Amino acid sequence: MDEKAAKRLVFAMLDTDGDGIVSRAEYAARVERVTRATGRAADDPLVLAARTVGERAWAAMDADGDGGMTFDEYAAWAGAEAFDTVCEPVLGALFDLADSDADGSLALPEFTALRTALGNPAGNAEAAFAALDTDGDGRVVRADYIASIRAHVTGEESPMGEALYGGPLANTTA
C-alpha cells in the first residue's frame, strides 16, 4: 500500500463523522473511547497522560489553529518525523491504557479492545494481532505495535496495517 493510501485510511478512522474534517473533539474522543473500553477511571494517571499527549498531538496537527484538519492538511503533516515526535507518544499512551497488567504487552482481548475503540472491526483487530504475534506467545509487545503502525503510515510493508485495514475501511476514500 502506498503512503497516501495508508494516510487516507488512517484519516478516515480519525474522521468519525465522515465530513472530511477531523475536529479536535473527534481526535480527543479517541482517548475517551479507549478509557471506556478498558474500564479505566477518568482520573486514572494513564488516562490523564494520554489526554495530555493527545492535546500536544492535536496542537501539532492543527497548525493553523482553526479547530479542524482536512485530509490534505493531514497528508502534508503526517510522515516519519511527525510519527516519531508526535504520534508515537500518543499511540504509546493508548497502548498503555489497554495494558491492564502494565507488562508492556497486550493479550488478544486487550489488543482487540484497543483497536475496536479506535475504530477497527474486531475481526480486523484479531487478524492484526495474529500478524504481530510472530512468536505465537499470545502477546504483542509495545515496540512491535508502534513499529508496525509507523511502517503503515509511512507506506512501508506492515502486516498489522494490512490486517487492520483489510476489511471495510480498505475501500474508504474520504
C-alpha atoms as a PDB file:
ATOM      1  CA  MET A   1       0.000   0.000   0.000  1.00  0.00           C
ATOM      2  CA  ASP A   2       1.426   3.388  -0.873  1.00  0.00           C
ATOM      3  CA  GLU A   3       1.886   6.131   1.718  1.00  0.00           C
ATOM      4  CA  LYS A   4      -1.011   8.313   0.506  1.00  0.00           C
ATOM      5  CA  ALA A   5      -3.441   5.378   0.589  1.00  0.00           C
ATOM      6  CA  ALA A   6      -2.241   4.452   4.075  1.00  0.00           C
ATOM      7  CA  LYS A   7      -2.732   8.033   5.262  1.00  0.00           C
ATOM      8  CA  ARG A   8      -6.205   8.091   3.735  1.00  0.00           C
ATOM      9  CA  LEU A   9      -7.201   5.022   5.754  1.00  0.00           C
ATOM     10  CA  VAL A  10      -5.884   6.485   8.995  1.00  0.00           C
ATOM     11  CA  PHE A  11      -7.585   9.806   8.259  1.00  0.00           C
ATOM     12  CA  ALA A  12     -10.890   8.028   7.633  1.00  0.00           C
ATOM     13  CA  MET A  13     -10.647   6.427  11.090  1.00  0.00           C
ATOM     14  CA  LEU A  14      -9.957   9.802  12.695  1.00  0.00           C
ATOM     15  CA  ASP A  15     -12.837  11.463  10.806  1.00  0.00           C
ATOM     16  CA  THR A  16     -15.517   9.577  12.710  1.00  0.00           C
ATOM     17  CA  ASP A  17     -18.424  11.604  11.332  1.00  0.00           C
ATOM     18  CA  GLY A  18     -17.185  11.305   7.744  1.00  0.00           C
ATOM     19  CA  ASP A  19     -17.441  15.009   6.931  1.00  0.00           C
ATOM     20  CA  GLY A  20     -13.909  15.271   5.536  1.00  0.00           C
ATOM     21  CA  ILE A  21     -12.584  17.212   8.514  1.00  0.00           C
ATOM     22  CA  VAL A  22     -11.127  15.795  11.725  1.00  0.00           C
ATOM     23  CA  SER A  23     -12.186  18.059  14.567  1.00  0.00           C
ATOM     24  CA  ARG A  24     -10.457  18.498  17.894  1.00  0.00           C
ATOM     25  CA  ALA A  25     -13.399  16.714  19.537  1.00  0.00           C
ATOM     26  CA  GLU A  26     -13.100  13.736  17.179  1.00  0.00           C
ATOM     27  CA  TYR A  27      -9.399  13.442  17.891  1.00  0.00           C
ATOM     28  CA  ALA A  28      -9.810  13.792  21.671  1.00  0.00           C
ATOM     29  CA  ALA A  29     -12.608  11.221  21.687  1.00  0.00           C
ATOM     30  CA  ARG A  30     -10.043   8.503  20.921  1.00  0.00           C
ATOM     31  CA  VAL A  31      -8.710   8.664  24.482  1.00  0.00           C
ATOM     32  CA  GLU A  32     -12.216   8.635  25.910  1.00  0.00           C
ATOM     33  CA  ARG A  33     -13.250   5.602  23.831  1.00  0.00           C
ATOM     34  CA  VAL A  34     -10.161   3.656  24.898  1.00  0.00           C
ATOM     35  CA  THR A  35     -10.748   4.733  28.514  1.00  0.00           C
ATOM     36  CA  ARG A  36     -14.275   3.320  28.398  1.00  0.00           C
ATOM     37  CA  ALA A  37     -13.186   0.160  26.579  1.00  0.00           C
ATOM     38  CA  THR A  38     -10.534  -0.563  29.178  1.00  0.00           C
ATOM     39  CA  GLY A  39     -12.694   0.303  32.190  1.00  0.00           C
ATOM     40  CA  ARG A  40     -10.290   2.905  33.500  1.00  0.00           C
ATOM     41  CA  ALA A  41     -11.461   5.808  35.637  1.00  0.00           C
ATOM     42  CA  ALA A  42     -11.412   9.297  34.147  1.00  0.00           C
ATOM     43  CA  ASP A  43      -8.835  10.381  36.733  1.00  0.00           C
ATOM     44  CA  ASP A  44      -6.517   7.396  36.223  1.00  0.00           C
ATOM     45  CA  PRO A  45      -2.956   8.731  35.777  1.00  0.00           C
ATOM     46  CA  LEU A  46      -2.630   6.843  32.486  1.00  0.00           C
ATOM     47  CA  VAL A  47      -5.822   8.477  31.192  1.00  0.00           C
ATOM     48  CA  LEU A  48      -4.552  11.900  32.213  1.00  0.00           C
ATOM     49  CA  ALA A  49      -1.221  11.211  30.493  1.00  0.00           C
ATOM     50  CA  ALA A  50      -2.997  10.057  27.327  1.00  0.00           C
ATOM     51  CA  ARG A  51      -5.103  13.213  27.282  1.00  0.00           C
ATOM     52  CA  THR A  52      -2.010  15.381  27.694  1.00  0.00           C
ATOM     53  CA  VAL A  53      -0.068  13.805  24.826  1.00  0.00           C
ATOM     54  CA  GLY A  54      -3.255  13.831  22.747  1.00  0.00           C
ATOM     55  CA  GLU A  55      -3.609  17.587  23.263  1.00  0.00           C
ATOM     56  CA  ARG A  56       0.023  18.088  22.232  1.00  0.00           C
ATOM     57  CA  ALA A  57      -0.565  15.970  19.140  1.00  0.00           C
ATOM     58  CA  TRP A  58      -3.660  17.927  18.205  1.00  0.00           C
ATOM     59  CA  ALA A  59      -1.777  21.222  18.546  1.00  0.00           C
ATOM     60  CA  ALA A  60       0.849  19.931  16.115  1.00  0.00           C
ATOM     61  CA  MET A  61      -1.726  18.581  13.650  1.00  0.00           C
ATOM     62  CA  ASP A  62      -3.913  21.683  13.695  1.00  0.00           C
ATOM     63  CA  ALA A  63      -1.031  24.003  12.892  1.00  0.00           C
ATOM     64  CA  ASP A  64      -3.318  26.789  11.626  1.00  0.00           C
ATOM     65  CA  GLY A  65      -5.416  26.583  14.809  1.00  0.00           C
ATOM     66  CA  ASP A  66      -8.764  26.541  13.021  1.00  0.00           C
ATOM     67  CA  GLY A  67     -10.066  23.551  15.007  1.00  0.00           C
ATOM     68  CA  GLY A  68     -10.185  21.189  12.046  1.00  0.00           C
ATOM     69  CA  MET A  69      -7.864  19.167   9.870  1.00  0.00           C
ATOM     70  CA  THR A  70      -8.617  18.240   6.264  1.00  0.00           C
ATOM     71  CA  PHE A  71      -7.085  15.226   4.557  1.00  0.00           C
ATOM     72  CA  ASP A  72      -4.715  17.480   2.611  1.00  0.00           C
ATOM     73  CA  GLU A  73      -3.506  19.068   5.866  1.00  0.00           C
ATOM     74  CA  TYR A  74      -3.105  15.638   7.443  1.00  0.00           C
ATOM     75  CA  ALA A  75      -1.287  14.189   4.425  1.00  0.00           C
ATOM     76  CA  ALA A  76       1.128  17.125   4.347  1.00  0.00           C
ATOM     77  CA  TRP A  77       1.806  16.795   8.080  1.00  0.00           C
ATOM     78  CA  ALA A  78       1.887  13.030   8.603  1.00  0.00           C
ATOM     79  CA  GLY A  79       5.103  11.169   7.941  1.00  0.00           C
ATOM     80  CA  ALA A  80       8.089   9.632   9.658  1.00  0.00           C
ATOM     81  CA  GLU A  81       9.166  12.754  11.562  1.00  0.00           C
ATOM     82  CA  ALA A  82       5.642  13.576  12.734  1.00  0.00           C
ATOM     83  CA  PHE A  83       5.148   9.957  13.723  1.00  0.00           C
ATOM     84  CA  ASP A  84       8.357   9.823  15.738  1.00  0.00           C
ATOM     85  CA  THR A  85       7.828  13.124  17.544  1.00  0.00           C
ATOM     86  CA  VAL A  86       4.050  13.399  17.859  1.00  0.00           C
ATOM     87  CA  CYS A  87       2.178  10.182  17.062  1.00  0.00           C
ATOM     88  CA  GLU A  88       4.386   7.656  18.833  1.00  0.00           C
ATOM     89  CA  PRO A  89       3.753   9.157  22.300  1.00  0.00           C
ATOM     90  CA  VAL A  90       0.001   9.186  21.664  1.00  0.00           C
ATOM     91  CA  LEU A  91      -0.111   5.623  20.381  1.00  0.00           C
ATOM     92  CA  GLY A  92       2.107   4.513  23.256  1.00  0.00           C
ATOM     93  CA  ALA A  93      -0.197   6.178  25.785  1.00  0.00           C
ATOM     94  CA  LEU A  94      -3.240   4.476  24.250  1.00  0.00           C
ATOM     95  CA  PHE A  95      -1.383   1.143  24.289  1.00  0.00           C
ATOM     96  CA  ASP A  96      -0.584   1.698  27.969  1.00  0.00           C
ATOM     97  CA  LEU A  97      -4.286   2.257  28.724  1.00  0.00           C
ATOM     98  CA  ALA A  98      -5.070  -1.143  27.242  1.00  0.00           C
ATOM     99  CA  ASP A  99      -2.142  -2.872  29.011  1.00  0.00           C
ATOM    100  CA  SER A 100      -4.105  -3.891  32.110  1.00  0.00           C
ATOM    101  CA  ASP A 101      -1.191  -5.591  33.878  1.00  0.00           C
ATOM    102  CA  ALA A 102       1.413  -2.985  32.805  1.00  0.00           C
ATOM    103  CA  ASP A 103       3.786  -5.628  31.439  1.00  0.00           C
ATOM    104  CA  GLY A 104       4.487  -3.813  28.156  1.00  0.00           C
ATOM    105  CA  SER A 105       2.438  -6.234  26.081  1.00  0.00           C
ATOM    106  CA  LEU A 106      -1.168  -6.901  25.155  1.00  0.00           C
ATOM    107  CA  ALA A 107      -3.052 -10.167  25.039  1.00  0.00           C
ATOM    108  CA  LEU A 108      -5.676 -10.601  22.331  1.00  0.00           C
ATOM    109  CA  PRO A 109      -8.608  -9.263  24.413  1.00  0.00           C
ATOM    110  CA  GLU A 110      -6.637  -6.133  25.365  1.00  0.00           C
ATOM    111  CA  PHE A 111      -5.460  -5.594  21.787  1.00  0.00           C
ATOM    112  CA  THR A 112      -8.963  -6.085  20.407  1.00  0.00           C
ATOM    113  CA  ALA A 113     -10.440  -3.672  22.961  1.00  0.00           C
ATOM    114  CA  LEU A 114      -7.855  -1.047  21.995  1.00  0.00           C
ATOM    115  CA  ARG A 115      -8.216  -1.390  18.248  1.00  0.00           C
ATOM    116  CA  THR A 116     -12.026  -1.596  18.216  1.00  0.00           C
ATOM    117  CA  ALA A 117     -12.156   1.503  20.437  1.00  0.00           C
ATOM    118  CA  LEU A 118     -10.016   3.188  17.784  1.00  0.00           C
ATOM    119  CA  GLY A 119     -12.433   2.168  15.035  1.00  0.00           C
ATOM    120  CA  ASN A 120     -11.209  -1.132  13.598  1.00  0.00           C
ATOM    121  CA  PRO A 121     -13.656  -4.019  13.197  1.00  0.00           C
ATOM    122  CA  ALA A 122     -12.983  -6.783  15.751  1.00  0.00           C
ATOM    123  CA  GLY A 123     -12.113  -9.309  13.043  1.00  0.00           C
ATOM    124  CA  ASN A 124      -9.511  -6.961  11.597  1.00  0.00           C
ATOM    125  CA  ALA A 125      -8.059  -6.399  15.070  1.00  0.00           C
ATOM    126  CA  GLU A 126      -7.795 -10.155  15.610  1.00  0.00           C
ATOM    127  CA  ALA A 127      -6.034 -10.583  12.256  1.00  0.00           C
ATOM    128  CA  ALA A 128      -3.667  -7.715  13.100  1.00  0.00           C
ATOM    129  CA  PHE A 129      -2.877  -9.344  16.444  1.00  0.00           C
ATOM    130  CA  ALA A 130      -2.037 -12.601  14.693  1.00  0.00           C
ATOM    131  CA  ALA A 131       0.219 -10.724  12.266  1.00  0.00           C
ATOM    132  CA  LEU A 132       2.118  -9.127  15.151  1.00  0.00           C
ATOM    133  CA  ASP A 133       2.300 -12.192  17.399  1.00  0.00           C
ATOM    134  CA  THR A 134       5.049 -13.738  15.293  1.00  0.00           C
ATOM    135  CA  ASP A 135       6.399 -15.945  18.096  1.00  0.00           C
ATOM    136  CA  GLY A 136       2.942 -17.264  18.985  1.00  0.00           C
ATOM    137  CA  ASP A 137       3.192 -16.425  22.676  1.00  0.00           C
ATOM    138  CA  GLY A 138      -0.221 -14.750  22.744  1.00  0.00           C
ATOM    139  CA  ARG A 139       1.246 -11.287  23.404  1.00  0.00           C
ATOM    140  CA  VAL A 140       2.035  -8.215  21.315  1.00  0.00           C
ATOM    141  CA  VAL A 141       4.776  -6.004  22.713  1.00  0.00           C
ATOM    142  CA  ARG A 142       4.555  -2.224  22.657  1.00  0.00           C
ATOM    143  CA  ALA A 143       7.643  -1.687  20.476  1.00  0.00           C
ATOM    144  CA  ASP A 144       6.374  -4.066  17.767  1.00  0.00           C
ATOM    145  CA  TYR A 145       2.934  -2.444  17.841  1.00  0.00           C
ATOM    146  CA  ILE A 146       4.354   1.066  17.440  1.00  0.00           C
ATOM    147  CA  ALA A 147       6.828  -0.020  14.742  1.00  0.00           C
ATOM    148  CA  SER A 148       4.071  -1.660  12.716  1.00  0.00           C
ATOM    149  CA  ILE A 149       1.865   1.429  12.818  1.00  0.00           C
ATOM    150  CA  ARG A 150       4.843   3.598  11.850  1.00  0.00           C
ATOM    151  CA  ALA A 151       5.553   1.311   8.911  1.00  0.00           C
ATOM    152  CA  HIS A 152       1.916   1.549   7.798  1.00  0.00           C
ATOM    153  CA  VAL A 153       1.648   5.348   7.903  1.00  0.00           C
ATOM    154  CA  THR A 154       4.972   5.822   6.128  1.00  0.00           C
ATOM    155  CA  GLY A 155       3.966   3.480   3.306  1.00  0.00           C
ATOM    156  CA  GLU A 156       6.245   0.600   4.272  1.00  0.00           C
ATOM    157  CA  GLU A 157       5.164  -3.023   4.500  1.00  0.00           C
ATOM    158  CA  SER A 158       3.113  -3.576   7.643  1.00  0.00           C
ATOM    159  CA  PRO A 159       1.317  -6.891   8.128  1.00  0.00           C
ATOM    160  CA  MET A 160      -0.608  -5.342  11.031  1.00  0.00           C
ATOM    161  CA  GLY A 161      -1.640  -2.370   8.889  1.00  0.00           C
ATOM    162  CA  GLU A 162      -2.773  -4.650   6.096  1.00  0.00           C
ATOM    163  CA  ALA A 163      -4.824  -6.682   8.572  1.00  0.00           C
ATOM    164  CA  LEU A 164      -6.339  -3.661  10.311  1.00  0.00           C
ATOM    165  CA  TYR A 165      -7.367  -2.011   7.070  1.00  0.00           C
ATOM    166  CA  GLY A 166      -8.065  -5.137   5.054  1.00  0.00           C
ATOM    167  CA  GLY A 167     -11.765  -5.020   5.873  1.00  0.00           C
ATOM    168  CA  PRO A 168     -14.489  -2.416   5.406  1.00  0.00           C
ATOM    169  CA  LEU A 169     -12.180   0.591   5.732  1.00  0.00           C
ATOM    170  CA  ALA A 170      -9.972  -0.577   2.871  1.00  0.00           C
ATOM    171  CA  ASN A 171     -12.457   0.868   0.396  1.00  0.00           C
ATOM    172  CA  THR A 172     -12.769   4.214   2.157  1.00  0.00           C
ATOM    173  CA  THR A 173     -11.791   7.179   0.013  1.00  0.00           C
ATOM    174  CA  ALA A 174     -12.585  10.118   2.284  1.00  0.00           C
END
